[in-house]
Amino acid sequence: MDELNKILFWIARCAVLTVGGAGGLIKIVKGKSDENPRDFTEGVAMLVVAAFIFGATFAVQKLF
């Protein structure tokens, strides 16, 4: 059961990085190319939130 738990948490981490990281990078590039600082800032915020959630999964895993 412990191994299944580890695998599921790594799947969740990969999903968080894929969705949050890719979305954030796309927003950053779009904001830079359109010279729109609001999109750029939103992209950076998305990356920070994705990194926070990624780190939080390690803490949550310790609780289980």
C-alpha atoms as a PDB file:
ATOM      1  CA  MET A   1       0.000   0.000   0.000  1.00  0.00           C
ATOM      2  CA  ASP A   2       2.903   2.311   0.750  1.00  0.00           C
ATOM      3  CA  GLU A   3       4.353   1.831  -2.727  1.00  0.00           C
ATOM      4  CA  LEU A   4       0.976   2.545  -4.332  1.00  0.00           C
ATOM      5  CA  ASN A   5       0.746   5.719  -2.252  1.00  0.00           C
ATOM      6  CA  LYS A   6       4.177   6.853  -3.482  1.00  0.00           C
ATOM      7  CA  ILE A   7       3.268   6.150  -7.090  1.00  0.00           C
ATOM      8  CA  LEU A   8      -0.021   8.050  -6.846  1.00  0.00           C
ATOM      9  CA  PHE A   9       1.672  11.061  -5.282  1.00  0.00           C
ATOM     10  CA  TRP A  10       4.298  11.122  -8.055  1.00  0.00           C
ATOM     11  CA  ILE A  11       1.535  10.977 -10.642  1.00  0.00           C
ATOM     12  CA  ALA A  12      -0.145  13.934  -8.910  1.00  0.00           C
ATOM     13  CA  ARG A  13       3.164  15.835  -8.800  1.00  0.00           C
ATOM     14  CA  CYS A  14       3.741  15.269 -12.510  1.00  0.00           C
ATOM     15  CA  ALA A  15       0.224  16.472 -13.272  1.00  0.00           C
ATOM     16  CA  VAL A  16       0.734  19.622 -11.185  1.00  0.00           C
ATOM     17  CA  LEU A  17       4.012  20.405 -12.916  1.00  0.00           C
ATOM     18  CA  THR A  18       2.585  19.685 -16.355  1.00  0.00           C
ATOM     19  CA  VAL A  19      -0.540  21.783 -15.965  1.00  0.00           C
ATOM     20  CA  GLY A  20       0.805  24.568 -13.775  1.00  0.00           C
ATOM     21  CA  GLY A  21       4.296  24.710 -15.205  1.00  0.00           C
ATOM     22  CA  ALA A  22       3.357  24.540 -18.862  1.00  0.00           C
ATOM     23  CA  GLY A  23       0.470  26.950 -18.421  1.00  0.00           C
ATOM     24  CA  GLY A  24       2.670  29.382 -16.530  1.00  0.00           C
ATOM     25  CA  LEU A  25       5.436  29.247 -19.113  1.00  0.00           C
ATOM     26  CA  ILE A  26       2.959  29.816 -21.931  1.00  0.00           C
ATOM     27  CA  LYS A  27       1.548  32.855 -20.094  1.00  0.00           C
ATOM     28  CA  ILE A  28       5.045  34.248 -19.513  1.00  0.00           C
ATOM     29  CA  VAL A  29       6.034  33.902 -23.168  1.00  0.00           C
ATOM     30  CA  LYS A  30       2.718  35.321 -24.359  1.00  0.00           C
ATOM     31  CA  GLY A  31       3.047  38.255 -21.978  1.00  0.00           C
ATOM     32  CA  LYS A  32       6.571  39.012 -23.143  1.00  0.00           C
ATOM     33  CA  SER A  33       5.755  38.729 -26.842  1.00  0.00           C
ATOM     34  CA  ASP A  34       2.600  40.861 -26.543  1.00  0.00           C
ATOM     35  CA  GLU A  35       4.403  43.275 -24.191  1.00  0.00           C
ATOM     36  CA  ASN A  36       1.633  42.725 -21.659  1.00  0.00           C
ATOM     37  CA  PRO A  37       3.017  42.827 -18.110  1.00  0.00           C
ATOM     38  CA  ARG A  38      -0.239  41.485 -16.664  1.00  0.00           C
ATOM     39  CA  ASP A  39       0.026  38.177 -18.570  1.00  0.00           C
ATOM     40  CA  PHE A  40       3.690  37.926 -17.618  1.00  0.00           C
ATOM     41  CA  THR A  41       2.891  38.425 -13.937  1.00  0.00           C
ATOM     42  CA  GLU A  42       0.065  35.884 -14.081  1.00  0.00           C
ATOM     43  CA  GLY A  43       2.459  33.360 -15.607  1.00  0.00           C
ATOM     44  CA  VAL A  44       4.995  33.880 -12.843  1.00  0.00           C
ATOM     45  CA  ALA A  45       2.234  33.526 -10.254  1.00  0.00           C
ATOM     46  CA  MET A  46       1.104  30.270 -11.871  1.00  0.00           C
ATOM     47  CA  LEU A  47       4.650  28.904 -11.661  1.00  0.00           C
ATOM     48  CA  VAL A  48       4.947  29.898  -7.994  1.00  0.00           C
ATOM     49  CA  VAL A  49       1.623  28.274  -7.124  1.00  0.00           C
ATOM     50  CA  ALA A  50       2.561  25.106  -9.018  1.00  0.00           C
ATOM     51  CA  ALA A  51       5.878  24.946  -7.160  1.00  0.00           C
ATOM     52  CA  PHE A  52       4.097  25.451  -3.826  1.00  0.00           C
ATOM     53  CA  ILE A  53       1.602  22.674  -4.557  1.00  0.00           C
ATOM     54  CA  PHE A  54       4.426  20.397  -5.720  1.00  0.00           C
ATOM     55  CA  GLY A  55       6.236  20.969  -2.435  1.00  0.00           C
ATOM     56  CA  ALA A  56       3.059  20.558  -0.418  1.00  0.00           C
ATOM     57  CA  THR A  57       2.529  17.080  -1.843  1.00  0.00           C
ATOM     58  CA  PHE A  58       5.647  15.925   0.008  1.00  0.00           C
ATOM     59  CA  ALA A  59       4.221  17.194   3.303  1.00  0.00           C
ATOM     60  CA  VAL A  60       0.837  15.622   2.640  1.00  0.00           C
ATOM     61  CA  GLN A  61       2.484  12.335   1.743  1.00  0.00           C
ATOM     62  CA  LYS A  62       4.247  12.290   5.129  1.00  0.00           C
ATOM     63  CA  LEU A  63       0.840  12.585   6.819  1.00  0.00           C
ATOM     64  CA  PHE A  64      -0.360   9.403   5.119  1.00  0.00           C
END
